[in-house]
Every structure is written in structure tokens, then in C-alpha cells.
PDB file of N, CA and C in Angstrom:
ATOM      1  N   MET A   1      88.409 159.478  61.880  1.00  0.00           N
ATOM      2  CA  MET A   1      89.078 160.192  60.803  1.00  0.00           C
ATOM      3  C   MET A   1      90.589 159.913  60.796  1.00  0.00           C
ATOM      4  N   GLU A   2      91.197 159.906  61.986  1.00  0.00           N
ATOM      5  CA  GLU A   2      92.634 159.633  62.084  1.00  0.00           C
ATOM      6  C   GLU A   2      92.957 158.224  61.599  1.00  0.00           C
ATOM      7  N   GLY A   3      92.066 157.285  61.868  1.00  0.00           N
ATOM      8  CA  GLY A   3      92.264 155.908  61.428  1.00  0.00           C
ATOM      9  C   GLY A   3      92.321 155.805  59.922  1.00  0.00           C
ATOM     10  N   LYS A   4      91.482 156.565  59.236  1.00  0.00           N
ATOM     11  CA  LYS A   4      91.460 156.554  57.765  1.00  0.00           C
ATOM     12  C   LYS A   4      92.753 157.132  57.210  1.00  0.00           C
ATOM     13  N   LYS A   5      93.267 158.174  57.845  1.00  0.00           N
ATOM     14  CA  LYS A   5      94.532 158.775  57.402  1.00  0.00           C
ATOM     15  C   LYS A   5      95.680 157.782  57.589  1.00  0.00           C
ATOM     16  N   LEU A   6      95.670 157.081  58.713  1.00  0.00           N
ATOM     17  CA  LEU A   6      96.720 156.113  58.992  1.00  0.00           C
ATOM     18  C   LEU A   6      96.700 154.985  57.966  1.00  0.00           C
ATOM     19  N   VAL A   7      95.511 154.511  57.629  1.00  0.00           N
ATOM     20  CA  VAL A   7      95.374 153.456  56.623  1.00  0.00           C
ATOM     21  C   VAL A   7      95.849 153.963  55.267  1.00  0.00           C
ATOM     22  N   ALA A   8      95.506 155.201  54.913  1.00  0.00           N
ATOM     23  CA  ALA A   8      95.919 155.769  53.631  1.00  0.00           C
ATOM     24  C   ALA A   8      97.443 155.881  53.544  1.00  0.00           C
ATOM     25  N   VAL A   9      98.079 156.321  54.612  1.00  0.00           N
ATOM     26  CA  VAL A   9      99.539 156.441  54.633  1.00  0.00           C
ATOM     27  C   VAL A   9     100.175 155.056  54.515  1.00  0.00           C
ATOM     28  N   PHE A  10      99.633 154.092  55.234  1.00  0.00           N
ATOM     29  CA  PHE A  10     100.144 152.725  55.168  1.00  0.00           C
ATOM     30  C   PHE A  10     100.051 152.177  53.750  1.00  0.00           C
ATOM     31  N   LEU A  11      98.912 152.372  53.103  1.00  0.00           N
ATOM     32  CA  LEU A  11      98.738 151.877  51.734  1.00  0.00           C
ATOM     33  C   LEU A  11      99.696 152.552  50.765  1.00  0.00           C
ATOM     34  N   MET A  12      99.922 153.840  50.932  1.00  0.00           N
ATOM     35  CA  MET A  12     100.868 154.548  50.061  1.00  0.00           C
ATOM     36  C   MET A  12     102.287 154.005  50.263  1.00  0.00           C
ATOM     37  N   CYS A  13     102.652 153.739  51.499  1.00  0.00           N
ATOM     38  CA  CYS A  13     103.977 153.167  51.766  1.00  0.00           C
ATOM     39  C   CYS A  13     104.116 151.808  51.100  1.00  0.00           C
ATOM     40  N   MET A  14     103.082 151.008  51.156  1.00  0.00           N
ATOM     41  CA  MET A  14     103.124 149.684  50.534  1.00  0.00           C
ATOM     42  C   MET A  14     103.279 149.806  49.024  1.00  0.00           C
ATOM     43  N   VAL A  15     102.587 150.756  48.412  1.00  0.00           N
ATOM     44  CA  VAL A  15     102.688 150.963  46.966  1.00  0.00           C
ATOM     45  C   VAL A  15     104.108 151.371  46.593  1.00  0.00           C
ATOM     46  N   VAL A  16     104.691 152.287  47.345  1.00  0.00           N
ATOM     47  CA  VAL A  16     106.052 152.761  47.067  1.00  0.00           C
ATOM     48  C   VAL A  16     107.055 151.620  47.224  1.00  0.00           C
ATOM     49  N   LEU A  17     106.956 150.865  48.295  1.00  0.00           N
ATOM     50  CA  LEU A  17     107.889 149.760  48.519  1.00  0.00           C
ATOM     51  C   LEU A  17     107.742 148.676  47.459  1.00  0.00           C
ATOM     52  N   THR A  18     106.512 148.398  47.044  1.00  0.00           N
ATOM     53  CA  THR A  18     106.284 147.401  45.995  1.00  0.00           C
ATOM     54  C   THR A  18     106.889 147.858  44.680  1.00  0.00           C
ATOM     55  N   THR A  19     106.724 149.114  44.344  1.00  0.00           N
ATOM     56  CA  THR A  19     107.281 149.660  43.108  1.00  0.00           C
ATOM     57  C   THR A  19     108.803 149.602  43.136  1.00  0.00           C
ATOM     58  N   MET A  20     109.398 149.970  44.258  1.00  0.00           N
ATOM     59  CA  MET A  20     110.852 149.908  44.378  1.00  0.00           C
ATOM     60  C   MET A  20     111.328 148.471  44.268  1.00  0.00           C
ATOM     61  N   SER A  21     110.590 147.566  44.860  1.00  0.00           N
ATOM     62  CA  SER A  21     110.964 146.156  44.839  1.00  0.00           C
ATOM     63  C   SER A  21     110.948 145.605  43.420  1.00  0.00           C
ATOM     64  N   GLU A  22     109.916 145.941  42.656  1.00  0.00           N
ATOM     65  CA  GLU A  22     109.817 145.459  41.282  1.00  0.00           C
ATOM     66  C   GLU A  22     110.928 146.025  40.411  1.00  0.00           C
ATOM     67  N   ALA A  23     111.323 147.262  40.674  1.00  0.00           N
ATOM     68  CA  ALA A  23     112.354 147.904  39.869  1.00  0.00           C
ATOM     69  C   ALA A  23     113.712 147.245  40.051  1.00  0.00           C
ATOM     70  N   THR A  24     113.966 146.722  41.225  1.00  0.00           N
ATOM     71  CA  THR A  24     115.282 146.145  41.481  1.00  0.00           C
ATOM     72  C   THR A  24     115.295 144.621  41.372  1.00  0.00           C
ATOM     73  N   GLU A  25     114.142 144.027  41.106  1.00  0.00           N
ATOM     74  CA  GLU A  25     114.073 142.565  41.034  1.00  0.00           C
ATOM     75  C   GLU A  25     115.000 142.003  39.962  1.00  0.00           C
ATOM     76  N   GLU A  26     115.032 142.643  38.807  1.00  0.00           N
ATOM     77  CA  GLU A  26     115.888 142.165  37.714  1.00  0.00           C
ATOM     78  C   GLU A  26     117.366 142.319  38.074  1.00  0.00           C
ATOM     79  N   GLU A  27     117.704 143.435  38.722  1.00  0.00           N
ATOM     80  CA  GLU A  27     119.089 143.656  39.138  1.00  0.00           C
ATOM     81  C   GLU A  27     119.516 142.599  40.157  1.00  0.00           C
ATOM     82  N   TYR A  28     118.630 142.278  41.099  1.00  0.00           N
ATOM     83  CA  TYR A  28     118.936 141.242  42.093  1.00  0.00           C
ATOM     84  C   TYR A  28     119.146 139.901  41.406  1.00  0.00           C
ATOM     85  N   ARG A  29     118.259 139.569  40.476  1.00  0.00           N
ATOM     86  CA  ARG A  29     118.351 138.285  39.768  1.00  0.00           C
ATOM     87  C   ARG A  29     119.665 138.176  39.014  1.00  0.00           C
ATOM     88  N   ASP A  30     120.060 139.250  38.319  1.00  0.00           N
ATOM     89  CA  ASP A  30     121.325 139.243  37.591  1.00  0.00           C
ATOM     90  C   ASP A  30     122.509 139.071  38.553  1.00  0.00           C
ATOM     91  N   CYS A  31     122.468 139.805  39.663  1.00  0.00           N
ATOM     92  CA  CYS A  31     123.528 139.699  40.668  1.00  0.00           C
ATOM     93  C   CYS A  31     123.609 138.281  41.199  1.00  0.00           C
ATOM     94  N   TYR A  32     122.462 137.714  41.534  1.00  0.00           N
ATOM     95  CA  TYR A  32     122.426 136.378  42.123  1.00  0.00           C
ATOM     96  C   TYR A  32     122.978 135.329  41.167  1.00  0.00           C
ATOM     97  N   HIS A  33     122.530 135.366  39.913  1.00  0.00           N
ATOM     98  CA  HIS A  33     122.985 134.353  38.956  1.00  0.00           C
ATOM     99  C   HIS A  33     124.482 134.471  38.674  1.00  0.00           C
ATOM    100  N   THR A  34     124.970 135.695  38.544  1.00  0.00           N
ATOM    101  CA  THR A  34     126.401 135.906  38.318  1.00  0.00           C
ATOM    102  C   THR A  34     127.206 135.408  39.521  1.00  0.00           C
ATOM    103  N   CYS A  35     126.760 135.782  40.705  1.00  0.00           N
ATOM    104  CA  CYS A  35     127.448 135.376  41.937  1.00  0.00           C
ATOM    105  C   CYS A  35     127.430 133.858  42.098  1.00  0.00           C
ATOM    106  N   HIS A  36     126.276 133.250  41.865  1.00  0.00           N
ATOM    107  CA  HIS A  36     126.137 131.808  42.062  1.00  0.00           C
ATOM    108  C   HIS A  36     127.017 131.040  41.074  1.00  0.00           C
ATOM    109  N   LYS A  37     127.072 131.519  39.841  1.00  0.00           N
ATOM    110  CA  LYS A  37     127.909 130.864  38.837  1.00  0.00           C
ATOM    111  C   LYS A  37     129.377 130.933  39.253  1.00  0.00           C
ATOM    112  N   GLN A  38     129.832 132.121  39.663  1.00  0.00           N
ATOM    113  CA  GLN A  38     131.224 132.301  40.072  1.00  0.00           C
ATOM    114  C   GLN A  38     131.538 131.469  41.305  1.00  0.00           C
ATOM    115  N   CYS A  39     130.626 131.455  42.254  1.00  0.00           N
ATOM    116  CA  CYS A  39     130.821 130.699  43.491  1.00  0.00           C
ATOM    117  C   CYS A  39     130.946 129.201  43.191  1.00  0.00           C
ATOM    118  N   SER A  40     130.083 128.706  42.315  1.00  0.00           N
ATOM    119  CA  SER A  40     130.127 127.278  41.941  1.00  0.00           C
ATOM    120  C   SER A  40     131.425 126.942  41.223  1.00  0.00           C
ATOM    121  N   GLU A  41     131.872 127.850  40.342  1.00  0.00           N
ATOM    122  CA  GLU A  41     133.126 127.643  39.619  1.00  0.00           C
ATOM    123  C   GLU A  41     134.326 127.632  40.574  1.00  0.00           C
ATOM    124  N   ASP A  42     134.175 128.328  41.711  1.00  0.00           N
ATOM    125  CA  ASP A  42     135.244 128.346  42.712  1.00  0.00           C
ATOM    126  C   ASP A  42     135.257 127.075  43.555  1.00  0.00           C
ATOM    127  N   GLY A  43     134.312 126.166  43.285  1.00  0.00           N
ATOM    128  CA  GLY A  43     134.318 124.874  43.949  1.00  0.00           C
ATOM    129  C   GLY A  43     133.453 124.751  45.190  1.00  0.00           C
ATOM    130  N   HIS A  44     132.627 125.754  45.454  1.00  0.00           N
ATOM    131  CA  HIS A  44     131.757 125.708  46.631  1.00  0.00           C
ATOM    132  C   HIS A  44     130.472 124.962  46.299  1.00  0.00           C
ATOM    133  N   GLY A  45     129.822 124.431  47.321  1.00  0.00           N
ATOM    134  CA  GLY A  45     128.584 123.685  47.149  1.00  0.00           C
ATOM    135  C   GLY A  45     127.384 124.586  46.903  1.00  0.00           C
ATOM    136  N   TYR A  46     126.290 123.960  46.464  1.00  0.00           N
ATOM    137  CA  TYR A  46     125.078 124.700  46.099  1.00  0.00           C
ATOM    138  C   TYR A  46     124.523 125.508  47.268  1.00  0.00           C
ATOM    139  N   THR A  47     124.381 124.891  48.430  1.00  0.00           N
ATOM    140  CA  THR A  47     123.779 125.576  49.582  1.00  0.00           C
ATOM    141  C   THR A  47     124.643 126.743  50.037  1.00  0.00           C
ATOM    142  N   PHE A  48     125.956 126.542  50.094  1.00  0.00           N
ATOM    143  CA  PHE A  48     126.861 127.628  50.468  1.00  0.00           C
ATOM    144  C   PHE A  48     126.688 128.810  49.514  1.00  0.00           C
ATOM    145  N   CYS A  49     126.700 128.528  48.211  1.00  0.00           N
ATOM    146  CA  CYS A  49     126.582 129.593  47.208  1.00  0.00           C
ATOM    147  C   CYS A  49     125.223 130.282  47.279  1.00  0.00           C
ATOM    148  N   GLU A  50     124.177 129.497  47.507  1.00  0.00           N
ATOM    149  CA  GLU A  50     122.843 130.089  47.586  1.00  0.00           C
ATOM    150  C   GLU A  50     122.764 131.079  48.743  1.00  0.00           C
ATOM    151  N   MET A  51     123.267 130.684  49.895  1.00  0.00           N
ATOM    152  CA  MET A  51     123.207 131.565  51.063  1.00  0.00           C
ATOM    153  C   MET A  51     124.134 132.768  50.906  1.00  0.00           C
ATOM    154  N   LYS A  52     125.340 132.541  50.405  1.00  0.00           N
ATOM    155  CA  LYS A  52     126.299 133.627  50.212  1.00  0.00           C
ATOM    156  C   LYS A  52     125.765 134.662  49.225  1.00  0.00           C
ATOM    157  N   CYS A  53     125.276 134.185  48.092  1.00  0.00           N
ATOM    158  CA  CYS A  53     124.829 135.105  47.042  1.00  0.00           C
ATOM    159  C   CYS A  53     123.532 135.817  47.421  1.00  0.00           C
ATOM    160  N   ASP A  54     122.657 135.130  48.114  1.00  0.00           N
ATOM    161  CA  ASP A  54     121.433 135.776  48.567  1.00  0.00           C
ATOM    162  C   ASP A  54     121.765 136.911  49.529  1.00  0.00           C
ATOM    163  N   THR A  55     122.685 136.653  50.445  1.00  0.00           N
ATOM    164  CA  THR A  55     123.096 137.684  51.407  1.00  0.00           C
ATOM    165  C   THR A  55     123.786 138.846  50.704  1.00  0.00           C
ATOM    166  N   ASP A  56     124.741 138.551  49.845  1.00  0.00           N
ATOM    167  CA  ASP A  56     125.490 139.606  49.147  1.00  0.00           C
ATOM    168  C   ASP A  56     124.588 140.463  48.268  1.00  0.00           C
ATOM    169  N   CYS A  57     123.728 139.815  47.487  1.00  0.00           N
ATOM    170  CA  CYS A  57     122.878 140.557  46.550  1.00  0.00           C
ATOM    171  C   CYS A  57     121.754 141.297  47.267  1.00  0.00           C
ATOM    172  N   SER A  58     121.261 140.744  48.363  1.00  0.00           N
ATOM    173  CA  SER A  58     120.250 141.450  49.161  1.00  0.00           C
ATOM    174  C   SER A  58     120.847 142.714  49.757  1.00  0.00           C
ATOM    175  N   ARG A  59     122.079 142.615  50.237  1.00  0.00           N
ATOM    176  CA  ARG A  59     122.759 143.779  50.803  1.00  0.00           C
ATOM    177  C   ARG A  59     122.925 144.867  49.736  1.00  0.00           C
ATOM    178  N   LYS A  60     123.358 144.475  48.541  1.00  0.00           N
ATOM    179  CA  LYS A  60     123.523 145.446  47.454  1.00  0.00           C
ATOM    180  C   LYS A  60     122.191 146.087  47.100  1.00  0.00           C
ATOM    181  N   ASP A  61     121.134 145.293  47.102  1.00  0.00           N
ATOM    182  CA  ASP A  61     119.797 145.786  46.772  1.00  0.00           C
ATOM    183  C   ASP A  61     119.317 146.797  47.807  1.00  0.00           C
ATOM    184  N   ILE A  62     119.529 146.504  49.081  1.00  0.00           N
ATOM    185  CA  ILE A  62     119.104 147.414  50.149  1.00  0.00           C
ATOM    186  C   ILE A  62     119.890 148.717  50.090  1.00  0.00           C
ATOM    187  N   VAL A  63     121.184 148.624  49.879  1.00  0.00           N
ATOM    188  CA  VAL A  63     122.013 149.831  49.797  1.00  0.00           C
ATOM    189  C   VAL A  63     121.603 150.685  48.599  1.00  0.00           C
ATOM    190  N   ALA A  64     121.245 150.049  47.488  1.00  0.00           N
ATOM    191  CA  ALA A  64     120.807 150.799  46.306  1.00  0.00           C
ATOM    192  C   ALA A  64     119.485 151.514  46.564  1.00  0.00           C
ATOM    193  N   GLN A  65     118.587 150.879  47.317  1.00  0.00           N
ATOM    194  CA  GLN A  65     117.289 151.487  47.593  1.00  0.00           C
ATOM    195  C   GLN A  65     117.375 152.549  48.680  1.00  0.00           C
ATOM    196  N   PHE A  66     118.262 152.345  49.644  1.00  0.00           N
ATOM    197  CA  PHE A  66     118.394 153.252  50.777  1.00  0.00           C
ATOM    198  C   PHE A  66     119.869 153.625  50.919  1.00  0.00           C
ATOM    199  N   PRO A  67     120.322 154.625  50.170  1.00  0.00           N
ATOM    200  CA  PRO A  67     121.752 154.961  50.137  1.00  0.00           C
ATOM    201  C   PRO A  67     122.356 155.301  51.510  1.00  0.00           C
ATOM    202  N   LYS A  68     121.564 155.765  52.466  1.00  0.00           N
ATOM    203  CA  LYS A  68     122.110 156.117  53.777  1.00  0.00           C
ATOM    204  C   LYS A  68     122.323 154.880  54.643  1.00  0.00           C
ATOM    205  N   PHE A  69     121.808 153.726  54.194  1.00  0.00           N
ATOM    206  CA  PHE A  69     122.000 152.484  54.939  1.00  0.00           C
ATOM    207  C   PHE A  69     123.444 152.058  54.811  1.00  0.00           C
ATOM    208  N   LYS A  70     124.060 151.752  55.933  1.00  0.00           N
ATOM    209  CA  LYS A  70     125.457 151.340  55.901  1.00  0.00           C
ATOM    210  C   LYS A  70     125.518 149.838  56.126  1.00  0.00           C
ATOM    211  N   GLY A  71     125.416 149.063  55.034  1.00  0.00           N
ATOM    212  CA  GLY A  71     125.394 147.612  55.148  1.00  0.00           C
ATOM    213  C   GLY A  71     126.709 147.085  54.979  1.00  0.00           C
TER     214      GLY A  71
END
């Protein structure tokens, strides 16, 4: 019986995280494209901009989802 409860809680957590992820996907994409464009205009290479913007926008996304996270 405890195993079934644990599985149910796990599945609910996955549903919640998936829903949160889908809600912020567009915001992340907008952040990434804006950041990458600005970074490229500043004269940086593609790989540098990709890594920088992925890190910056991921951090913003995590902080938005979990406000108590201090990133």
C-alpha cells in the first residue's frame, strides 16, 4: 500500500513540474533569443553566446519557478 502512495506522489510531482516547465518554455525561448542576438552583436562567437545565454536564461527560469532559490 505504501508503495502505491509513493508512486502516486511521484507521478503528481512529475505532472506539476511538467506543467511548470511548459508554462515557462516560451519565456525561456524569448530570453535566449534576445540574449543570443545581443551577445552576437557584441562580437562574441556562437558557442560563447550559446553557453552564456543558456546559463543566464536557465537561472532566470529557475528563480521564477522557485522564488526562494538564490541563484
